[in-house]
PDB file of all heavy atoms in Angstrom:
ATOM      1  N   LEU A   1     -19.037  93.226  52.035  1.00  0.00           N
ATOM      2  CA  LEU A   1     -19.709  92.396  53.032  1.00  0.00           C
ATOM      3  C   LEU A   1     -19.400  92.860  54.444  1.00  0.00           C
ATOM      4  O   LEU A   1     -19.964  92.342  55.402  1.00  0.00           O
ATOM      5  CB  LEU A   1     -19.300  90.929  52.860  1.00  0.00           C
ATOM      6  CG  LEU A   1     -19.681  90.278  51.528  1.00  0.00           C
ATOM      7  CD1 LEU A   1     -19.155  88.846  51.468  1.00  0.00           C
ATOM      8  CD2 LEU A   1     -21.185  90.315  51.309  1.00  0.00           C
ATOM      9  N   GLY A   2     -18.481  93.823  54.581  1.00  0.00           N
ATOM     10  CA  GLY A   2     -18.127  94.345  55.890  1.00  0.00           C
ATOM     11  C   GLY A   2     -17.027  93.530  56.541  1.00  0.00           C
ATOM     12  O   GLY A   2     -16.385  92.686  55.921  1.00  0.00           O
ATOM     13  N   THR A   3     -16.822  93.777  57.820  1.00  0.00           N
ATOM     14  CA  THR A   3     -15.813  93.066  58.596  1.00  0.00           C
ATOM     15  C   THR A   3     -16.425  91.759  59.093  1.00  0.00           C
ATOM     16  O   THR A   3     -17.475  91.761  59.728  1.00  0.00           O
ATOM     17  CB  THR A   3     -15.360  93.928  59.793  1.00  0.00           C
ATOM     18  OG1 THR A   3     -14.819  95.150  59.273  1.00  0.00           O
ATOM     19  CG2 THR A   3     -14.306  93.215  60.613  1.00  0.00           C
ATOM     20  N   ILE A   4     -15.756  90.658  58.805  1.00  0.00           N
ATOM     21  CA  ILE A   4     -16.287  89.336  59.151  1.00  0.00           C
ATOM     22  C   ILE A   4     -15.281  88.611  60.037  1.00  0.00           C
ATOM     23  O   ILE A   4     -14.131  88.417  59.652  1.00  0.00           O
ATOM     24  CB  ILE A   4     -16.580  88.516  57.879  1.00  0.00           C
ATOM     25  CG1 ILE A   4     -17.620  89.243  57.019  1.00  0.00           C
ATOM     26  CG2 ILE A   4     -17.054  87.111  58.243  1.00  0.00           C
ATOM     27  CD1 ILE A   4     -17.902  88.596  55.693  1.00  0.00           C
ATOM     28  N   SER A   5     -15.739  88.217  61.218  1.00  0.00           N
ATOM     29  CA  SER A   5     -14.844  87.526  62.151  1.00  0.00           C
ATOM     30  C   SER A   5     -15.120  86.030  62.223  1.00  0.00           C
ATOM     31  O   SER A   5     -14.423  85.302  62.917  1.00  0.00           O
ATOM     32  CB  SER A   5     -14.958  88.150  63.546  1.00  0.00           C
ATOM     33  OG  SER A   5     -16.290  88.080  63.985  1.00  0.00           O
ATOM     34  N   THR A   6     -16.146  85.556  61.524  1.00  0.00           N
ATOM     35  CA  THR A   6     -16.463  84.125  61.484  1.00  0.00           C
ATOM     36  C   THR A   6     -16.099  83.574  60.112  1.00  0.00           C
ATOM     37  O   THR A   6     -15.643  84.317  59.238  1.00  0.00           O
ATOM     38  CB  THR A   6     -17.958  83.906  61.739  1.00  0.00           C
ATOM     39  OG1 THR A   6     -18.699  84.519  60.686  1.00  0.00           O
ATOM     40  CG2 THR A   6     -18.390  84.472  63.082  1.00  0.00           C
ATOM     41  N   ASP A   7     -16.302  82.285  59.917  1.00  0.00           N
ATOM     42  CA  ASP A   7     -16.097  81.713  58.591  1.00  0.00           C
ATOM     43  C   ASP A   7     -17.076  82.356  57.610  1.00  0.00           C
ATOM     44  O   ASP A   7     -18.196  82.719  57.971  1.00  0.00           O
ATOM     45  CB  ASP A   7     -16.333  80.206  58.598  1.00  0.00           C
ATOM     46  CG  ASP A   7     -15.215  79.441  59.275  1.00  0.00           C
ATOM     47  OD1 ASP A   7     -14.163  80.038  59.559  1.00  0.00           O
ATOM     48  OD2 ASP A   7     -15.402  78.232  59.522  1.00  0.00           O
ATOM     49  N   LEU A   8     -16.647  82.485  56.373  1.00  0.00           N
ATOM     50  CA  LEU A   8     -17.472  83.021  55.288  1.00  0.00           C
ATOM     51  C   LEU A   8     -17.658  81.904  54.274  1.00  0.00           C
ATOM     52  O   LEU A   8     -16.680  81.329  53.796  1.00  0.00           O
ATOM     53  CB  LEU A   8     -16.786  84.223  54.641  1.00  0.00           C
ATOM     54  CG  LEU A   8     -17.352  84.703  53.311  1.00  0.00           C
ATOM     55  CD1 LEU A   8     -18.773  85.229  53.484  1.00  0.00           C
ATOM     56  CD2 LEU A   8     -16.446  85.767  52.707  1.00  0.00           C
ATOM     57  N   HIS A   9     -18.911  81.606  53.965  1.00  0.00           N
ATOM     58  CA  HIS A   9     -19.224  80.549  53.004  1.00  0.00           C
ATOM     59  C   HIS A   9     -19.825  81.197  51.758  1.00  0.00           C
ATOM     60  O   HIS A   9     -20.807  81.928  51.855  1.00  0.00           O
ATOM     61  CB  HIS A   9     -20.220  79.554  53.594  1.00  0.00           C
ATOM     62  CG  HIS A   9     -19.799  79.020  54.923  1.00  0.00           C
ATOM     63  ND1 HIS A   9     -18.847  78.040  55.061  1.00  0.00           N
ATOM     64  CD2 HIS A   9     -20.187  79.359  56.177  1.00  0.00           C
ATOM     65  CE1 HIS A   9     -18.674  77.787  56.342  1.00  0.00           C
ATOM     66  NE2 HIS A   9     -19.473  78.577  57.039  1.00  0.00           N
ATOM     67  N   ILE A  10     -19.233  80.930  50.607  1.00  0.00           N
ATOM     68  CA  ILE A  10     -19.783  81.381  49.330  1.00  0.00           C
ATOM     69  C   ILE A  10     -20.450  80.168  48.703  1.00  0.00           C
ATOM     70  O   ILE A  10     -19.820  79.123  48.535  1.00  0.00           O
ATOM     71  CB  ILE A  10     -18.684  81.952  48.400  1.00  0.00           C
ATOM     72  CG1 ILE A  10     -17.932  83.095  49.093  1.00  0.00           C
ATOM     73  CG2 ILE A  10     -19.292  82.404  47.072  1.00  0.00           C
ATOM     74  CD1 ILE A  10     -18.796  84.276  49.507  1.00  0.00           C
ATOM     75  N   TYR A  11     -21.729  80.324  48.366  1.00  0.00           N
ATOM     76  CA  TYR A  11     -22.539  79.207  47.881  1.00  0.00           C
ATOM     77  C   TYR A  11     -23.123  79.549  46.518  1.00  0.00           C
ATOM     78  O   TYR A  11     -23.533  80.687  46.277  1.00  0.00           O
ATOM     79  CB  TYR A  11     -23.657  78.935  48.890  1.00  0.00           C
ATOM     80  CG  TYR A  11     -24.584  77.821  48.498  1.00  0.00           C
ATOM     81  CD1 TYR A  11     -24.137  76.505  48.451  1.00  0.00           C
ATOM     82  CD2 TYR A  11     -25.903  78.083  48.183  1.00  0.00           C
ATOM     83  CE1 TYR A  11     -24.997  75.481  48.088  1.00  0.00           C
ATOM     84  CE2 TYR A  11     -26.775  77.059  47.832  1.00  0.00           C
ATOM     85  CZ  TYR A  11     -26.307  75.763  47.782  1.00  0.00           C
ATOM     86  OH  TYR A  11     -27.150  74.751  47.425  1.00  0.00           O
ATOM     87  N   ALA A  12     -23.182  78.545  45.634  1.00  0.00           N
ATOM     88  CA  ALA A  12     -23.774  78.709  44.307  1.00  0.00           C
ATOM     89  C   ALA A  12     -25.086  77.917  44.266  1.00  0.00           C
ATOM     90  O   ALA A  12     -25.077  76.710  44.043  1.00  0.00           O
ATOM     91  CB  ALA A  12     -22.819  78.206  43.230  1.00  0.00           C
ATOM     92  N   PRO A  13     -26.234  78.585  44.503  1.00  0.00           N
ATOM     93  CA  PRO A  13     -27.503  77.867  44.568  1.00  0.00           C
ATOM     94  C   PRO A  13     -28.124  77.563  43.212  1.00  0.00           C
ATOM     95  O   PRO A  13     -29.066  76.791  43.124  1.00  0.00           O
ATOM     96  CB  PRO A  13     -28.402  78.820  45.354  1.00  0.00           C
ATOM     97  CG  PRO A  13     -27.879  80.168  45.021  1.00  0.00           C
ATOM     98  CD  PRO A  13     -26.386  79.992  44.863  1.00  0.00           C
ATOM     99  N   GLY A  14     -27.619  78.145  42.147  1.00  0.00           N
ATOM    100  CA  GLY A  14     -28.234  77.980  40.834  1.00  0.00           C
ATOM    101  C   GLY A  14     -27.824  76.711  40.121  1.00  0.00           C
ATOM    102  O   GLY A  14     -27.231  75.797  40.701  1.00  0.00           O
ATOM    103  N   ARG A  15     -28.107  76.676  38.831  1.00  0.00           N
ATOM    104  CA  ARG A  15     -27.800  75.512  38.003  1.00  0.00           C
ATOM    105  C   ARG A  15     -26.571  75.742  37.119  1.00  0.00           C
ATOM    106  O   ARG A  15     -26.204  74.874  36.347  1.00  0.00           O
ATOM    107  CB  ARG A  15     -28.997  75.163  37.127  1.00  0.00           C
ATOM    108  CG  ARG A  15     -30.212  74.766  37.927  1.00  0.00           C
ATOM    109  CD  ARG A  15     -31.369  74.405  37.009  1.00  0.00           C
ATOM    110  NE  ARG A  15     -32.575  74.163  37.761  1.00  0.00           N
ATOM    111  CZ  ARG A  15     -32.953  72.975  38.198  1.00  0.00           C
ATOM    112  NH1 ARG A  15     -32.201  71.933  37.974  1.00  0.00           N
ATOM    113  NH2 ARG A  15     -34.078  72.834  38.872  1.00  0.00           N
ATOM    114  N   GLU A  16     -25.972  76.924  37.222  1.00  0.00           N
ATOM    115  CA  GLU A  16     -24.802  77.243  36.405  1.00  0.00           C
ATOM    116  C   GLU A  16     -23.582  77.461  37.294  1.00  0.00           C
ATOM    117  O   GLU A  16     -23.709  77.771  38.471  1.00  0.00           O
ATOM    118  CB  GLU A  16     -25.067  78.521  35.597  1.00  0.00           C
ATOM    119  CG  GLU A  16     -26.222  78.403  34.631  1.00  0.00           C
ATOM    120  CD  GLU A  16     -26.468  79.705  33.891  1.00  0.00           C
ATOM    121  OE1 GLU A  16     -25.559  80.542  33.827  1.00  0.00           O
ATOM    122  OE2 GLU A  16     -27.585  79.864  33.384  1.00  0.00           O
ATOM    123  N   ILE A  17     -22.405  77.326  36.698  1.00  0.00           N
ATOM    124  CA  ILE A  17     -21.160  77.604  37.421  1.00  0.00           C
ATOM    125  C   ILE A  17     -21.136  79.084  37.788  1.00  0.00           C
ATOM    126  O   ILE A  17     -21.496  79.943  36.990  1.00  0.00           O
ATOM    127  CB  ILE A  17     -19.939  77.258  36.553  1.00  0.00           C
ATOM    128  CG1 ILE A  17     -19.905  75.754  36.276  1.00  0.00           C
ATOM    129  CG2 ILE A  17     -18.643  77.699  37.228  1.00  0.00           C
ATOM    130  CD1 ILE A  17     -18.823  75.347  35.309  1.00  0.00           C
ATOM    131  N   GLY A  18     -20.736  79.388  39.027  1.00  0.00           N
ATOM    132  CA  GLY A  18     -20.595  80.771  39.477  1.00  0.00           C
ATOM    133  C   GLY A  18     -19.161  81.244  39.304  1.00  0.00           C
ATOM    134  O   GLY A  18     -18.206  80.462  39.448  1.00  0.00           O
ATOM    135  N   TYR A  19     -18.994  82.508  38.971  1.00  0.00           N
ATOM    136  CA  TYR A  19     -17.674  83.114  38.789  1.00  0.00           C
ATOM    137  C   TYR A  19     -17.600  84.368  39.645  1.00  0.00           C
ATOM    138  O   TYR A  19     -18.514  85.197  39.604  1.00  0.00           O
ATOM    139  CB  TYR A  19     -17.451  83.488  37.321  1.00  0.00           C
ATOM    140  CG  TYR A  19     -17.478  82.303  36.392  1.00  0.00           C
ATOM    141  CD1 TYR A  19     -18.650  81.953  35.727  1.00  0.00           C
ATOM    142  CD2 TYR A  19     -16.341  81.528  36.191  1.00  0.00           C
ATOM    143  CE1 TYR A  19     -18.688  80.858  34.875  1.00  0.00           C
ATOM    144  CE2 TYR A  19     -16.375  80.432  35.346  1.00  0.00           C
ATOM    145  CZ  TYR A  19     -17.548  80.103  34.692  1.00  0.00           C
ATOM    146  OH  TYR A  19     -17.580  79.022  33.866  1.00  0.00           O
ATOM    147  N   TYR A  20     -16.505  84.517  40.398  1.00  0.00           N
ATOM    148  CA  TYR A  20     -16.395  85.692  41.257  1.00  0.00           C
ATOM    149  C   TYR A  20     -14.947  86.012  41.570  1.00  0.00           C
ATOM    150  O   TYR A  20     -14.047  85.203  41.359  1.00  0.00           O
ATOM    151  CB  TYR A  20     -17.193  85.487  42.549  1.00  0.00           C
ATOM    152  CG  TYR A  20     -16.656  84.410  43.476  1.00  0.00           C
ATOM    153  CD1 TYR A  20     -15.853  84.738  44.566  1.00  0.00           C
ATOM    154  CD2 TYR A  20     -16.966  83.074  43.277  1.00  0.00           C
ATOM    155  CE1 TYR A  20     -15.371  83.765  45.426  1.00  0.00           C
ATOM    156  CE2 TYR A  20     -16.491  82.093  44.126  1.00  0.00           C
ATOM    157  CZ  TYR A  20     -15.695  82.440  45.200  1.00  0.00           C
ATOM    158  OH  TYR A  20     -15.224  81.469  46.039  1.00  0.00           O
ATOM    159  N   ASN A  21     -14.748  87.227  42.076  1.00  0.00           N
ATOM    160  CA  ASN A  21     -13.473  87.689  42.626  1.00  0.00           C
ATOM    161  C   ASN A  21     -13.734  88.023  44.089  1.00  0.00           C
ATOM    162  O   ASN A  21     -14.836  88.448  44.442  1.00  0.00           O
ATOM    163  CB  ASN A  21     -12.981  88.951  41.909  1.00  0.00           C
ATOM    164  CG  ASN A  21     -12.868  88.761  40.415  1.00  0.00           C
ATOM    165  OD1 ASN A  21     -12.561  87.690  39.935  1.00  0.00           O
ATOM    166  ND2 ASN A  21     -13.132  89.825  39.674  1.00  0.00           N
ATOM    167  N   ILE A  22     -12.712  87.860  44.939  1.00  0.00           N
ATOM    168  CA  ILE A  22     -12.880  88.174  46.355  1.00  0.00           C
ATOM    169  C   ILE A  22     -11.618  88.839  46.885  1.00  0.00           C
ATOM    170  O   ILE A  22     -10.505  88.504  46.459  1.00  0.00           O
ATOM    171  CB  ILE A  22     -13.245  86.905  47.179  1.00  0.00           C
ATOM    172  CG1 ILE A  22     -13.705  87.279  48.591  1.00  0.00           C
ATOM    173  CG2 ILE A  22     -12.101  85.900  47.183  1.00  0.00           C
ATOM    174  CD1 ILE A  22     -14.380  86.139  49.329  1.00  0.00           C
ATOM    175  N   LYS A  23     -11.805  89.806  47.778  1.00  0.00           N
ATOM    176  CA  LYS A  23     -10.695  90.498  48.431  1.00  0.00           C
ATOM    177  C   LYS A  23     -10.940  90.458  49.930  1.00  0.00           C
ATOM    178  O   LYS A  23     -11.980  90.880  50.414  1.00  0.00           O
ATOM    179  CB  LYS A  23     -10.597  91.949  47.957  1.00  0.00           C
ATOM    180  CG  LYS A  23      -9.468  92.727  48.609  1.00  0.00           C
ATOM    181  CD  LYS A  23      -9.346  94.105  48.000  1.00  0.00           C
ATOM    182  CE  LYS A  23      -8.301  94.974  48.635  1.00  0.00           C
ATOM    183  NZ  LYS A  23      -7.163  94.390  49.268  1.00  0.00           N
ATOM    184  N   ILE A  24      -9.960  89.928  50.664  1.00  0.00           N
ATOM    185  CA  ILE A  24     -10.074  89.808  52.115  1.00  0.00           C
ATOM    186  C   ILE A  24      -8.969  90.638  52.756  1.00  0.00           C
ATOM    187  O   ILE A  24      -7.779  90.363  52.552  1.00  0.00           O
ATOM    188  CB  ILE A  24      -9.987  88.342  52.565  1.00  0.00           C
ATOM    189  CG1 ILE A  24     -11.130  87.540  51.920  1.00  0.00           C
ATOM    190  CG2 ILE A  24     -10.047  88.238  54.083  1.00  0.00           C
ATOM    191  CD1 ILE A  24     -11.068  86.054  52.169  1.00  0.00           C
ATOM    192  N   GLY A  25      -9.377  91.667  53.500  1.00  0.00           N
ATOM    193  CA  GLY A  25      -8.411  92.529  54.184  1.00  0.00           C
ATOM    194  C   GLY A  25      -7.471  93.217  53.210  1.00  0.00           C
ATOM    195  O   GLY A  25      -7.886  93.680  52.147  1.00  0.00           O
ATOM    196  N   ASN A  26      -6.187  93.270  53.579  1.00  0.00           N
ATOM    197  CA  ASN A  26      -5.183  93.923  52.739  1.00  0.00           C
ATOM    198  C   ASN A  26      -4.589  92.998  51.689  1.00  0.00           C
ATOM    199  O   ASN A  26      -3.685  93.398  50.949  1.00  0.00           O
ATOM    200  CB  ASN A  26      -4.051  94.484  53.620  1.00  0.00           C
ATOM    201  CG  ASN A  26      -4.540  95.618  54.490  1.00  0.00           C
ATOM    202  OD1 ASN A  26      -5.395  96.403  54.082  1.00  0.00           O
ATOM    203  ND2 ASN A  26      -4.016  95.706  55.700  1.00  0.00           N
ATOM    204  N   ASN A  27      -5.073  91.784  51.621  1.00  0.00           N
ATOM    205  CA  ASN A  27      -4.588  90.836  50.613  1.00  0.00           C
ATOM    206  C   ASN A  27      -5.046  91.286  49.234  1.00  0.00           C
ATOM    207  O   ASN A  27      -6.080  91.943  49.097  1.00  0.00           O
ATOM    208  CB  ASN A  27      -5.112  89.428  50.902  1.00  0.00           C
ATOM    209  CG  ASN A  27      -4.589  88.886  52.208  1.00  0.00           C
ATOM    210  OD1 ASN A  27      -3.397  88.981  52.484  1.00  0.00           O
ATOM    211  ND2 ASN A  27      -5.463  88.334  53.023  1.00  0.00           N
ATOM    212  N   PRO A  28      -4.307  90.906  48.190  1.00  0.00           N
ATOM    213  CA  PRO A  28      -4.745  91.266  46.838  1.00  0.00           C
ATOM    214  C   PRO A  28      -6.021  90.516  46.461  1.00  0.00           C
ATOM    215  O   PRO A  28      -6.361  89.493  47.068  1.00  0.00           O
ATOM    216  CB  PRO A  28      -3.568  90.832  45.959  1.00  0.00           C
ATOM    217  CG  PRO A  28      -2.788  89.870  46.770  1.00  0.00           C
ATOM    218  CD  PRO A  28      -3.052  90.180  48.195  1.00  0.00           C
ATOM    219  N   TRP A  29      -6.718  91.038  45.455  1.00  0.00           N
ATOM    220  CA  TRP A  29      -7.909  90.357  44.941  1.00  0.00           C
ATOM    221  C   TRP A  29      -7.527  88.957  44.471  1.00  0.00           C
ATOM    222  O   TRP A  29      -6.483  88.765  43.852  1.00  0.00           O
ATOM    223  CB  TRP A  29      -8.489  91.120  43.754  1.00  0.00           C
ATOM    224  CG  TRP A  29      -9.313  92.296  44.130  1.00  0.00           C
ATOM    225  CD1 TRP A  29      -8.876  93.586  44.263  1.00  0.00           C
ATOM    226  CD2 TRP A  29     -10.709  92.310  44.408  1.00  0.00           C
ATOM    227  NE1 TRP A  29      -9.928  94.390  44.613  1.00  0.00           N
ATOM    228  CE2 TRP A  29     -11.066  93.641  44.703  1.00  0.00           C
ATOM    229  CE3 TRP A  29     -11.698  91.330  44.428  1.00  0.00           C
ATOM    230  CZ2 TRP A  29     -12.371  94.007  45.023  1.00  0.00           C
ATOM    231  CZ3 TRP A  29     -12.994  91.702  44.747  1.00  0.00           C
ATOM    232  CH2 TRP A  29     -13.320  93.020  45.041  1.00  0.00           C
ATOM    233  N   GLN A  30      -8.381  87.979  44.764  1.00  0.00           N
ATOM    234  CA  GLN A  30      -8.271  86.651  44.171  1.00  0.00           C
ATOM    235  C   GLN A  30      -9.246  86.664  42.998  1.00  0.00           C
ATOM    236  O   GLN A  30     -10.463  86.724  43.196  1.00  0.00           O
ATOM    237  CB  GLN A  30      -8.662  85.568  45.174  1.00  0.00           C
ATOM    238  CG  GLN A  30      -7.730  85.485  46.368  1.00  0.00           C
ATOM    239  CD  GLN A  30      -8.197  84.421  47.346  1.00  0.00           C
ATOM    240  OE1 GLN A  30      -8.517  83.302  46.956  1.00  0.00           O
ATOM    241  NE2 GLN A  30      -8.246  84.778  48.622  1.00  0.00           N
ATOM    242  N   ASN A  31      -8.715  86.663  41.793  1.00  0.00           N
ATOM    243  CA  ASN A  31      -9.528  86.832  40.593  1.00  0.00           C
ATOM    244  C   ASN A  31      -9.781  85.505  39.885  1.00  0.00           C
ATOM    245  O   ASN A  31      -8.980  84.579  39.955  1.00  0.00           O
ATOM    246  CB  ASN A  31      -8.843  87.793  39.615  1.00  0.00           C
ATOM    247  CG  ASN A  31      -8.745  89.185  40.172  1.00  0.00           C
ATOM    248  OD1 ASN A  31      -9.719  89.707  40.708  1.00  0.00           O
ATOM    249  ND2 ASN A  31      -7.587  89.801  40.051  1.00  0.00           N
ATOM    250  N   GLY A  32     -10.897  85.449  39.180  1.00  0.00           N
ATOM    251  CA  GLY A  32     -11.199  84.313  38.318  1.00  0.00           C
ATOM    252  C   GLY A  32     -11.576  83.039  39.047  1.00  0.00           C
ATOM    253  O   GLY A  32     -11.342  81.947  38.541  1.00  0.00           O
TER     254      GLY A  32
END
């Protein structure tokens, strides 16, 4: 997603539960 200096909102617009992993900067991946 590139370098983000504002708040980042992850949204699930569908009808099912969304599953994702995210990595911000040098922090480890947040999995599951």
